[in-house]
N, C-alpha and C. Protein backbone atom coordinates (compact mmCIF):
# COMPACT_ATOMS: atom_id res chain seq x y z
N UNK A 1 44.67 43.52 -157.74
CA UNK A 1 43.43 42.75 -157.68
C UNK A 1 42.60 43.15 -158.72
N UNK A 2 42.20 44.29 -158.85
CA UNK A 2 41.18 44.72 -159.50
C UNK A 2 41.48 44.14 -161.28
N UNK A 3 43.01 44.11 -161.54
CA UNK A 3 43.27 43.58 -162.79
C UNK A 3 42.90 42.17 -162.82
N UNK A 4 43.08 41.36 -161.89
CA UNK A 4 42.69 40.07 -162.05
C UNK A 4 41.15 39.80 -162.13
N UNK A 5 40.31 40.78 -161.30
CA UNK A 5 38.96 40.79 -161.42
C UNK A 5 38.36 41.14 -162.57
N UNK A 6 39.16 42.05 -163.36
CA UNK A 6 38.59 42.57 -164.77
C UNK A 6 38.75 41.35 -165.65
N UNK A 7 39.71 40.67 -165.66
CA UNK A 7 39.74 39.47 -166.62
C UNK A 7 39.13 38.11 -166.29
N UNK A 8 39.05 38.18 -165.26
CA UNK A 8 38.17 36.85 -164.61
C UNK A 8 36.56 37.09 -165.10
N UNK A 9 36.39 38.42 -165.04
CA UNK A 9 34.78 38.66 -165.44
C UNK A 9 34.61 38.05 -166.78
N UNK A 10 35.77 38.38 -167.82
CA UNK A 10 35.54 37.89 -169.14
C UNK A 10 35.38 36.32 -169.17
N UNK A 11 36.13 35.69 -168.32
CA UNK A 11 36.13 34.07 -168.06
C UNK A 11 34.70 33.63 -167.87
N UNK A 12 33.99 34.72 -166.99
CA UNK A 12 32.89 34.55 -166.16
C UNK A 12 31.62 34.45 -167.34
N UNK A 13 31.89 35.59 -168.11
CA UNK A 13 30.82 36.01 -169.17
C UNK A 13 30.69 34.58 -170.19
N UNK A 14 32.09 34.23 -170.66
CA UNK A 14 32.14 32.92 -171.53
C UNK A 14 31.45 31.92 -170.74
N UNK A 15 31.52 31.67 -169.53
CA UNK A 15 30.90 30.49 -168.89
C UNK A 15 29.51 30.54 -168.61
N UNK A 16 28.99 31.82 -168.41
CA UNK A 16 27.51 32.02 -168.43
C UNK A 16 26.93 31.85 -170.04
N UNK A 17 27.72 31.74 -171.04
CA UNK A 17 26.99 31.62 -172.17
C UNK A 17 27.35 30.15 -172.64
N UNK A 18 28.40 29.44 -172.19
CA UNK A 18 28.50 27.92 -171.94
C UNK A 18 27.45 27.38 -171.27
N UNK A 19 27.11 27.88 -170.13
CA UNK A 19 26.14 27.35 -169.15
C UNK A 19 24.57 27.37 -170.02
N UNK A 20 24.41 28.76 -170.57
CA UNK A 20 23.02 28.79 -171.35
C UNK A 20 22.88 27.56 -172.53
N UNK A 21 24.01 27.08 -172.99
CA UNK A 21 23.97 25.87 -173.84
C UNK A 21 23.79 24.56 -173.34
N UNK A 22 23.60 24.78 -171.91
CA UNK A 22 23.73 23.50 -171.17
C UNK A 22 25.12 22.46 -171.14
N UNK A 23 26.08 23.25 -171.26
CA UNK A 23 27.34 22.81 -171.09
C UNK A 23 28.10 23.10 -169.72
N UNK A 24 29.04 22.71 -169.26
CA UNK A 24 29.49 22.67 -167.94
C UNK A 24 30.25 23.97 -167.87
N UNK A 25 29.89 25.13 -166.97
CA UNK A 25 30.21 26.22 -167.10
C UNK A 25 31.66 26.72 -166.81
N UNK A 26 32.47 26.17 -167.73
CA UNK A 26 33.93 26.74 -167.67
C UNK A 26 34.30 27.77 -168.81
N UNK A 27 34.65 28.76 -168.44
CA UNK A 27 35.13 29.71 -169.48
C UNK A 27 36.75 30.01 -169.17
N UNK A 28 37.29 30.49 -170.09
CA UNK A 28 38.68 30.48 -170.06
C UNK A 28 39.25 31.99 -170.90
N UNK A 29 39.86 32.75 -170.31
CA UNK A 29 40.42 33.90 -171.33
C UNK A 29 42.17 33.72 -171.24
N UNK A 30 42.73 34.01 -172.18
CA UNK A 30 43.99 34.21 -172.17
C UNK A 30 44.41 35.73 -172.53
N UNK A 31 45.22 36.14 -171.74
CA UNK A 31 45.61 37.41 -171.59
C UNK A 31 46.84 37.89 -171.78
N UNK A 32 47.45 38.64 -172.73
CA UNK A 32 48.69 39.17 -173.30
C UNK A 32 49.00 40.57 -173.30
N UNK A 33 49.82 41.08 -172.49
CA UNK A 33 50.07 42.68 -172.45
C UNK A 33 48.67 43.29 -172.32
N UNK A 34 47.87 42.89 -171.38
CA UNK A 34 46.83 43.61 -170.75
C UNK A 34 45.48 43.68 -171.83
N UNK A 35 45.50 42.48 -172.40
CA UNK A 35 44.30 42.34 -173.21
C UNK A 35 44.11 41.02 -173.62
N UNK A 36 42.68 40.80 -173.70
CA UNK A 36 42.61 39.15 -174.11
C UNK A 36 42.61 39.00 -175.55
N UNK A 37 43.60 37.96 -175.53
CA UNK A 37 43.90 37.42 -177.03
C UNK A 37 43.24 36.26 -177.62
N UNK A 38 42.80 35.42 -176.52
CA UNK A 38 41.97 34.37 -176.81
C UNK A 38 41.05 33.93 -175.97
N UNK A 39 40.26 32.95 -176.18
CA UNK A 39 39.16 32.20 -175.24
C UNK A 39 39.00 31.08 -175.55
N UNK A 40 38.52 30.42 -174.38
CA UNK A 40 38.17 28.96 -174.62
C UNK A 40 36.92 28.68 -173.81
N UNK A 41 35.99 27.70 -174.28
CA UNK A 41 34.82 27.47 -173.31
C UNK A 41 34.62 25.61 -173.50
N UNK A 42 34.20 25.39 -172.53
CA UNK A 42 34.17 24.01 -172.34
C UNK A 42 32.96 23.43 -173.34
N UNK A 43 33.24 22.49 -173.96
CA UNK A 43 32.21 21.72 -174.81
C UNK A 43 32.28 20.33 -174.64
N UNK A 44 31.33 19.57 -175.12
CA UNK A 44 31.02 18.08 -175.08
C UNK A 44 30.47 17.58 -173.82
N UNK A 45 29.67 18.39 -172.98
CA UNK A 45 29.13 17.75 -171.78
C UNK A 45 27.50 17.92 -171.98
N UNK A 46 27.10 18.76 -172.66
CA UNK A 46 25.45 19.00 -172.91
C UNK A 46 25.02 17.34 -173.23
N UNK A 47 25.76 16.72 -173.84
CA UNK A 47 24.71 15.37 -174.65
C UNK A 47 25.39 14.56 -173.62
N UNK A 48 26.17 14.70 -172.40
CA UNK A 48 26.77 13.64 -171.79
C UNK A 48 27.59 12.77 -172.67
N UNK A 49 28.34 13.15 -173.60
CA UNK A 49 29.06 12.53 -174.70
C UNK A 49 30.12 11.79 -174.08
N UNK A 50 30.74 12.10 -172.88
CA UNK A 50 32.03 11.51 -172.31
C UNK A 50 33.25 12.17 -173.01
N UNK A 51 33.03 13.28 -173.51
CA UNK A 51 34.11 14.09 -173.99
C UNK A 51 35.08 14.75 -173.04
N UNK A 52 36.20 14.17 -172.70
CA UNK A 52 37.03 14.70 -171.68
C UNK A 52 38.31 15.48 -172.08
N UNK A 53 38.21 15.93 -173.56
CA UNK A 53 39.18 16.53 -174.16
C UNK A 53 39.16 17.90 -174.49
N UNK A 54 37.87 18.42 -174.80
CA UNK A 54 37.59 19.87 -175.00
C UNK A 54 37.37 20.59 -174.04
N UNK A 55 38.31 20.68 -172.84
CA UNK A 55 38.24 21.55 -171.85
C UNK A 55 38.52 23.02 -172.19
N UNK A 56 38.18 23.78 -171.40
CA UNK A 56 38.24 25.32 -171.86
C UNK A 56 39.63 25.81 -171.95
N UNK A 57 40.39 25.29 -171.18
CA UNK A 57 41.67 25.65 -171.36
C UNK A 57 42.52 25.02 -172.43
N UNK A 58 42.23 23.52 -172.74
CA UNK A 58 42.70 23.04 -173.84
C UNK A 58 42.46 23.84 -175.29
N UNK A 59 41.29 24.23 -175.42
CA UNK A 59 40.71 24.99 -176.26
C UNK A 59 41.69 26.32 -176.70
N UNK A 60 41.61 26.75 -175.45
CA UNK A 60 42.45 28.13 -175.44
C UNK A 60 43.89 28.05 -175.62
N UNK A 61 44.62 26.84 -175.26
CA UNK A 61 45.90 26.65 -175.50
C UNK A 61 46.05 26.10 -176.89
N UNK A 62 45.08 25.38 -177.60
CA UNK A 62 45.25 25.03 -178.90
C UNK A 62 45.32 26.50 -179.64
N UNK A 63 44.61 27.31 -179.66
CA UNK A 63 44.65 28.64 -180.04
C UNK A 63 45.86 29.23 -179.79
N UNK A 64 46.37 29.33 -178.73
CA UNK A 64 47.45 29.87 -178.33
C UNK A 64 48.59 29.36 -179.21
N UNK A 65 48.73 27.98 -179.56
CA UNK A 65 49.80 27.30 -179.96
C UNK A 65 49.78 27.78 -181.55
N UNK A 66 48.51 28.29 -182.09
CA UNK A 66 48.44 28.32 -183.60
C UNK A 66 48.82 29.86 -183.90
N UNK A 67 48.94 30.62 -182.94
CA UNK A 67 49.54 32.03 -183.18
C UNK A 67 50.68 31.92 -183.86
N UNK A 68 51.00 32.75 -184.84
CA UNK A 68 51.89 32.91 -185.70
C UNK A 68 53.05 34.20 -185.37
N UNK A 69 52.56 34.95 -184.51
CA UNK A 69 53.38 36.07 -183.89
C UNK A 69 54.07 35.51 -182.86
N UNK A 70 55.20 35.99 -182.75
CA UNK A 70 56.32 35.87 -181.65
C UNK A 70 55.72 36.62 -180.47
N UNK A 71 55.35 35.88 -179.47
CA UNK A 71 55.21 36.42 -178.11
C UNK A 71 55.80 35.88 -177.09
N UNK A 72 55.85 36.81 -176.12
CA UNK A 72 56.61 36.28 -174.76
C UNK A 72 55.80 35.25 -173.99
N UNK A 73 55.71 34.03 -174.06
CA UNK A 73 54.70 33.39 -173.39
C UNK A 73 54.92 33.78 -171.99
N UNK A 74 56.17 34.17 -171.30
CA UNK A 74 55.80 34.39 -169.80
C UNK A 74 55.07 35.59 -169.44
N UNK A 75 54.70 36.38 -170.67
CA UNK A 75 53.66 37.45 -170.19
C UNK A 75 52.16 37.10 -170.41
N UNK A 76 51.94 35.88 -170.58
CA UNK A 76 50.66 35.38 -170.87
C UNK A 76 50.29 34.60 -169.60
N UNK A 77 48.78 35.21 -169.41
CA UNK A 77 48.35 34.74 -167.93
C UNK A 77 47.01 34.34 -168.70
N UNK A 78 46.68 33.22 -167.91
CA UNK A 78 45.24 32.20 -168.20
C UNK A 78 44.17 32.36 -167.01
N UNK A 79 43.05 32.70 -167.45
CA UNK A 79 41.97 33.09 -166.63
C UNK A 79 41.04 32.09 -166.71
N UNK A 80 40.73 31.22 -165.53
CA UNK A 80 39.60 30.27 -165.82
C UNK A 80 38.78 30.23 -164.57
N UNK A 81 37.51 29.87 -165.09
CA UNK A 81 36.49 29.71 -163.98
C UNK A 81 36.43 28.60 -162.93
N UNK A 82 37.27 27.66 -163.42
CA UNK A 82 37.26 26.47 -162.52
C UNK A 82 38.80 26.14 -162.38
N UNK A 83 39.50 25.72 -161.66
CA UNK A 83 40.68 25.12 -160.91
C UNK A 83 41.00 24.01 -162.20
N UNK A 84 41.93 24.15 -162.88
CA UNK A 84 42.45 23.25 -164.05
C UNK A 84 42.53 21.81 -163.56
N UNK A 85 41.99 20.96 -164.47
CA UNK A 85 42.45 19.38 -164.12
C UNK A 85 43.80 19.06 -164.51
N UNK A 86 44.37 17.89 -164.06
CA UNK A 86 45.49 17.53 -164.42
C UNK A 86 46.16 17.56 -165.67
N UNK A 87 45.14 17.18 -166.76
CA UNK A 87 45.63 17.39 -168.05
C UNK A 87 45.76 18.92 -168.50
N UNK A 88 44.74 19.50 -168.01
CA UNK A 88 44.99 20.85 -168.44
C UNK A 88 46.13 21.61 -167.84
N UNK A 89 46.30 21.26 -166.48
CA UNK A 89 47.37 21.88 -165.63
C UNK A 89 48.78 21.61 -166.49
N UNK A 90 48.94 20.29 -166.86
CA UNK A 90 50.16 19.81 -167.51
C UNK A 90 50.31 20.69 -168.77
N UNK A 91 49.23 20.69 -169.57
CA UNK A 91 49.43 21.45 -171.00
C UNK A 91 49.75 22.94 -170.63
N UNK A 92 49.17 23.54 -169.41
CA UNK A 92 49.66 24.86 -169.04
C UNK A 92 51.09 25.02 -168.80
N UNK A 93 51.46 24.11 -168.03
CA UNK A 93 52.89 24.10 -167.51
C UNK A 93 53.78 23.80 -169.03
N UNK A 94 53.33 23.06 -169.86
CA UNK A 94 54.36 22.95 -171.01
C UNK A 94 54.27 24.07 -172.00
N UNK A 95 53.21 24.77 -171.86
CA UNK A 95 52.88 25.61 -172.68
C UNK A 95 53.73 26.87 -172.54
N UNK A 96 54.29 27.19 -171.40
CA UNK A 96 55.59 28.09 -170.98
C UNK A 96 54.70 29.54 -170.66
N UNK A 97 53.35 29.32 -170.30
CA UNK A 97 52.88 30.57 -169.75
C UNK A 97 53.31 31.07 -168.55
N UNK A 98 53.27 32.38 -168.27
CA UNK A 98 53.81 32.85 -167.23
C UNK A 98 52.72 32.79 -165.74
N UNK A 99 51.39 32.64 -166.21
CA UNK A 99 50.61 32.86 -165.03
C UNK A 99 49.21 32.11 -165.05
N UNK A 100 48.58 31.61 -163.97
CA UNK A 100 47.35 30.99 -163.98
C UNK A 100 46.39 31.81 -163.03
N UNK A 101 45.28 32.04 -163.19
CA UNK A 101 44.18 32.75 -162.20
C UNK A 101 43.00 31.94 -162.34
N UNK A 102 42.47 31.30 -161.33
CA UNK A 102 41.37 30.69 -161.38
C UNK A 102 40.30 31.13 -160.39
N UNK A 103 39.02 30.91 -160.48
CA UNK A 103 38.01 31.33 -159.55
C UNK A 103 37.47 30.34 -158.70
N UNK A 104 37.08 29.28 -158.90
CA UNK A 104 36.61 28.09 -158.01
C UNK A 104 37.52 26.90 -158.11
N UNK A 105 37.72 26.51 -156.68
CA UNK A 105 38.71 25.18 -156.78
C UNK A 105 37.77 24.04 -157.03
N UNK A 106 38.53 23.01 -157.79
CA UNK A 106 38.00 21.84 -158.20
C UNK A 106 38.45 20.81 -157.26
N UNK A 107 37.28 20.47 -156.17
CA UNK A 107 37.90 19.59 -155.16
C UNK A 107 37.83 18.06 -155.56
N UNK A 108 37.50 17.89 -156.91
CA UNK A 108 37.43 16.58 -157.44
C UNK A 108 38.70 16.30 -158.33
N UNK A 109 39.10 17.21 -158.97
CA UNK A 109 39.85 16.87 -160.12
C UNK A 109 41.02 18.06 -160.13
N UNK A 110 40.95 19.00 -159.52
CA UNK A 110 41.71 20.30 -159.61
C UNK A 110 43.36 19.83 -159.31
N UNK A 111 44.33 20.21 -160.01
CA UNK A 111 45.58 19.56 -160.05
C UNK A 111 46.58 20.87 -159.56
N UNK A 112 46.09 21.91 -159.29
CA UNK A 112 47.12 23.05 -158.95
C UNK A 112 48.14 23.02 -157.72
N UNK A 113 47.52 22.01 -156.87
CA UNK A 113 48.30 21.73 -155.66
C UNK A 113 49.24 20.58 -155.63
N UNK A 114 49.62 20.09 -156.91
CA UNK A 114 50.48 19.18 -157.07
C UNK A 114 51.90 19.79 -156.56
N UNK A 115 52.67 18.84 -156.13
CA UNK A 115 54.03 19.34 -155.76
C UNK A 115 54.88 19.09 -156.97
N UNK A 116 55.30 20.02 -157.65
CA UNK A 116 55.80 20.11 -159.04
C UNK A 116 57.45 19.91 -158.63
N UNK A 117 57.94 19.65 -157.46
CA UNK A 117 59.16 19.54 -157.13
C UNK A 117 59.45 17.86 -157.46
N UNK A 118 58.18 17.17 -157.26
CA UNK A 118 58.04 15.53 -157.43
C UNK A 118 58.18 15.25 -158.83
N UNK A 119 57.87 16.21 -159.72
CA UNK A 119 57.71 16.03 -161.02
C UNK A 119 58.92 15.80 -161.67
N UNK A 120 58.95 15.15 -162.97
CA UNK A 120 59.99 15.47 -163.89
C UNK A 120 60.49 16.93 -164.40
N UNK A 121 61.57 17.15 -164.77
CA UNK A 121 62.03 18.52 -165.08
C UNK A 121 61.20 19.17 -166.03
N UNK A 122 60.58 18.56 -167.01
CA UNK A 122 59.79 19.39 -167.92
C UNK A 122 58.73 19.97 -167.31
N UNK A 123 58.15 19.42 -166.33
CA UNK A 123 57.10 20.16 -165.55
C UNK A 123 57.53 20.86 -164.34
N UNK A 124 58.40 20.67 -163.74
CA UNK A 124 59.02 21.06 -162.61
C UNK A 124 59.75 22.44 -162.72
N UNK A 125 60.49 22.49 -163.89
CA UNK A 125 61.18 23.84 -164.15
C UNK A 125 60.48 24.97 -164.90
N UNK A 126 59.51 25.44 -164.16
CA UNK A 126 58.73 26.58 -164.81
C UNK A 126 58.84 27.50 -163.61
N UNK A 127 58.16 28.82 -163.90
CA UNK A 127 58.07 29.97 -163.18
C UNK A 127 56.40 30.28 -163.12
N UNK A 128 55.64 29.59 -163.45
CA UNK A 128 54.36 29.87 -163.42
C UNK A 128 53.72 30.23 -161.92
N UNK A 129 53.05 31.38 -161.99
CA UNK A 129 52.22 31.78 -160.51
C UNK A 129 51.06 31.36 -160.84
N UNK A 130 50.47 31.10 -159.54
CA UNK A 130 49.19 30.52 -159.44
C UNK A 130 48.32 31.50 -158.59
N UNK A 131 47.33 32.25 -159.14
CA UNK A 131 46.32 32.90 -157.88
C UNK A 131 45.06 32.07 -157.95
N UNK A 132 44.47 31.64 -156.86
CA UNK A 132 43.30 31.10 -156.82
C UNK A 132 41.93 31.98 -156.20
N UNK A 133 40.90 31.58 -156.22
CA UNK A 133 39.67 32.33 -155.70
C UNK A 133 39.47 33.71 -156.15
N UNK A 134 39.79 34.09 -157.46
CA UNK A 134 39.30 35.28 -157.82
C UNK A 134 37.77 35.37 -158.57
N UNK A 135 37.11 36.10 -158.06
CA UNK A 135 35.46 36.13 -157.96
C UNK A 135 34.96 34.71 -157.80
N UNK A 136 35.61 34.07 -156.96
CA UNK A 136 35.44 32.55 -156.73
C UNK A 136 33.35 32.52 -156.34
N UNK A 137 32.85 33.30 -155.68
CA UNK A 137 31.41 33.20 -155.48
C UNK A 137 30.67 33.43 -156.73
N UNK A 138 31.22 34.13 -157.73
CA UNK A 138 30.40 34.19 -158.78
C UNK A 138 30.45 33.00 -159.79
N UNK A 139 31.75 32.35 -159.77
CA UNK A 139 31.90 31.21 -160.25
C UNK A 139 30.95 29.94 -159.69
N UNK A 140 31.03 29.99 -158.20
CA UNK A 140 30.40 28.72 -157.62
C UNK A 140 28.78 28.99 -157.97
N UNK A 141 28.31 30.25 -158.11
CA UNK A 141 26.96 30.13 -158.46
C UNK A 141 26.53 29.76 -159.91
N UNK A 142 27.50 29.64 -160.77
CA UNK A 142 27.22 29.07 -162.19
C UNK A 142 27.46 27.54 -161.93
N UNK A 143 28.25 26.99 -161.20
CA UNK A 143 28.25 25.46 -160.90
C UNK A 143 27.09 25.13 -160.15
N UNK A 144 26.72 25.78 -159.15
CA UNK A 144 25.49 25.66 -158.47
C UNK A 144 24.05 25.63 -159.45
N UNK A 145 24.22 26.29 -160.29
CA UNK A 145 23.10 26.56 -161.23
C UNK A 145 23.06 25.30 -162.12
N UNK A 146 24.34 24.90 -162.54
CA UNK A 146 24.60 23.69 -163.27
C UNK A 146 23.92 22.27 -162.79
N UNK A 147 24.63 22.51 -161.46
CA UNK A 147 24.39 21.03 -160.92
C UNK A 147 22.84 20.83 -160.37
N UNK A 148 22.26 21.94 -159.93
CA UNK A 148 20.88 21.91 -159.51
C UNK A 148 19.92 21.75 -160.96
N UNK A 149 20.44 21.55 -162.00
CA UNK A 149 19.64 21.45 -163.14
C UNK A 149 19.31 19.85 -163.49
N UNK A 150 18.34 19.33 -163.20
CA UNK A 150 18.15 17.83 -163.41
C UNK A 150 18.32 17.38 -164.69
N UNK A 151 18.33 18.40 -165.82
CA UNK A 151 18.53 17.98 -167.33
C UNK A 151 20.06 17.84 -167.57
N UNK A 152 21.04 18.29 -166.53
CA UNK A 152 22.62 18.15 -166.68
C UNK A 152 22.73 16.90 -166.15
N UNK A 153 23.29 16.02 -166.73
CA UNK A 153 23.93 14.73 -166.08
C UNK A 153 25.32 14.79 -166.08
N UNK A 154 26.16 15.54 -166.54
CA UNK A 154 27.51 15.54 -166.50
C UNK A 154 27.96 15.75 -164.90
N UNK A 155 28.65 14.85 -164.38
CA UNK A 155 29.11 15.05 -163.13
C UNK A 155 28.15 14.78 -162.17
N UNK A 156 27.04 14.65 -162.50
CA UNK A 156 25.91 14.44 -161.41
C UNK A 156 26.12 13.56 -160.53
N UNK A 157 25.74 14.00 -159.03
CA UNK A 157 26.18 13.24 -158.18
C UNK A 157 27.74 12.91 -157.82
N UNK A 158 28.60 13.73 -158.52
CA UNK A 158 30.04 13.61 -158.36
C UNK A 158 30.47 14.42 -156.80
N UNK A 159 31.54 14.26 -156.48
CA UNK A 159 32.19 14.85 -155.31
C UNK A 159 32.19 16.44 -155.65
N UNK A 160 32.44 16.86 -156.88
CA UNK A 160 32.49 18.37 -157.14
C UNK A 160 31.01 18.78 -157.07
N UNK A 161 29.88 18.13 -157.73
CA UNK A 161 28.70 18.29 -157.64
C UNK A 161 28.08 18.51 -155.96
N UNK A 162 28.35 17.58 -155.30
CA UNK A 162 27.99 17.52 -153.89
C UNK A 162 28.67 18.86 -153.08
N UNK A 163 29.88 18.83 -153.30
CA UNK A 163 30.57 19.95 -152.63
C UNK A 163 29.75 21.27 -152.94
N UNK A 164 29.83 21.36 -154.36
CA UNK A 164 29.32 22.88 -154.86
C UNK A 164 28.03 23.10 -154.21
N UNK A 165 27.29 22.07 -154.43
CA UNK A 165 25.80 22.25 -153.86
C UNK A 165 25.86 22.50 -152.48
N UNK A 166 26.81 22.05 -151.50
CA UNK A 166 27.08 22.15 -150.14
C UNK A 166 27.30 23.53 -149.90
N UNK A 167 27.87 24.21 -150.85
CA UNK A 167 28.37 25.85 -150.17
C UNK A 167 27.25 26.63 -149.94
N UNK A 168 27.40 27.52 -149.05
CA UNK A 168 26.43 28.48 -148.59
C UNK A 168 26.32 29.45 -149.51
N UNK A 169 25.26 29.98 -149.81
CA UNK A 169 25.11 30.99 -150.27
C UNK A 169 25.38 32.51 -149.80
N UNK A 170 26.21 33.15 -150.73
CA UNK A 170 26.81 34.34 -150.07
C UNK A 170 25.65 35.16 -149.41
N UNK A 171 26.29 35.86 -148.52
CA UNK A 171 25.14 37.01 -147.85
C UNK A 171 24.99 38.11 -148.56
N UNK A 172 23.84 38.45 -148.54
CA UNK A 172 23.28 39.73 -149.46
C UNK A 172 24.20 40.88 -149.10
N UNK A 173 24.68 41.90 -150.02
CA UNK A 173 25.35 43.10 -149.71
C UNK A 173 24.31 43.88 -149.04
N UNK A 174 24.90 44.87 -148.02
CA UNK A 174 23.91 45.80 -147.44
C UNK A 174 23.57 46.85 -148.27
């Protein structure tokens, strides 16, 4: 579990930087052989541009595709602060990576609960492991901050915004 928390902290740091620029706070790190080899941050939301392509995972996957070294994709694990959407989850499946770890569930657009057995073989035939809720509270706080800011219009009033803002704050540690 500490392994997963260590790398999720890297994704959370990226999400904090993304949030500081007024963007939707999704950060993503790609880990291979116990080190971060690539990162991605969500872009295109600060100006409410309608950009639904430059998700953190998609940016990281583009970088992964550009790597010229021969790496064993099954040993690659993607860490994201938010459960991937259908677009990102499909791209993750197609990329052949071995694992996906995420912090906070996306009740509006998360796709990891898809029944892969119902999909075509291209998506169904993989060994991707999925681990949810690693440092969930820390990620939730970033989304609460984002959705509480009246200047952020991205997904304002959406199911994800309402759900995030309705989550209780964690109890302070003794």
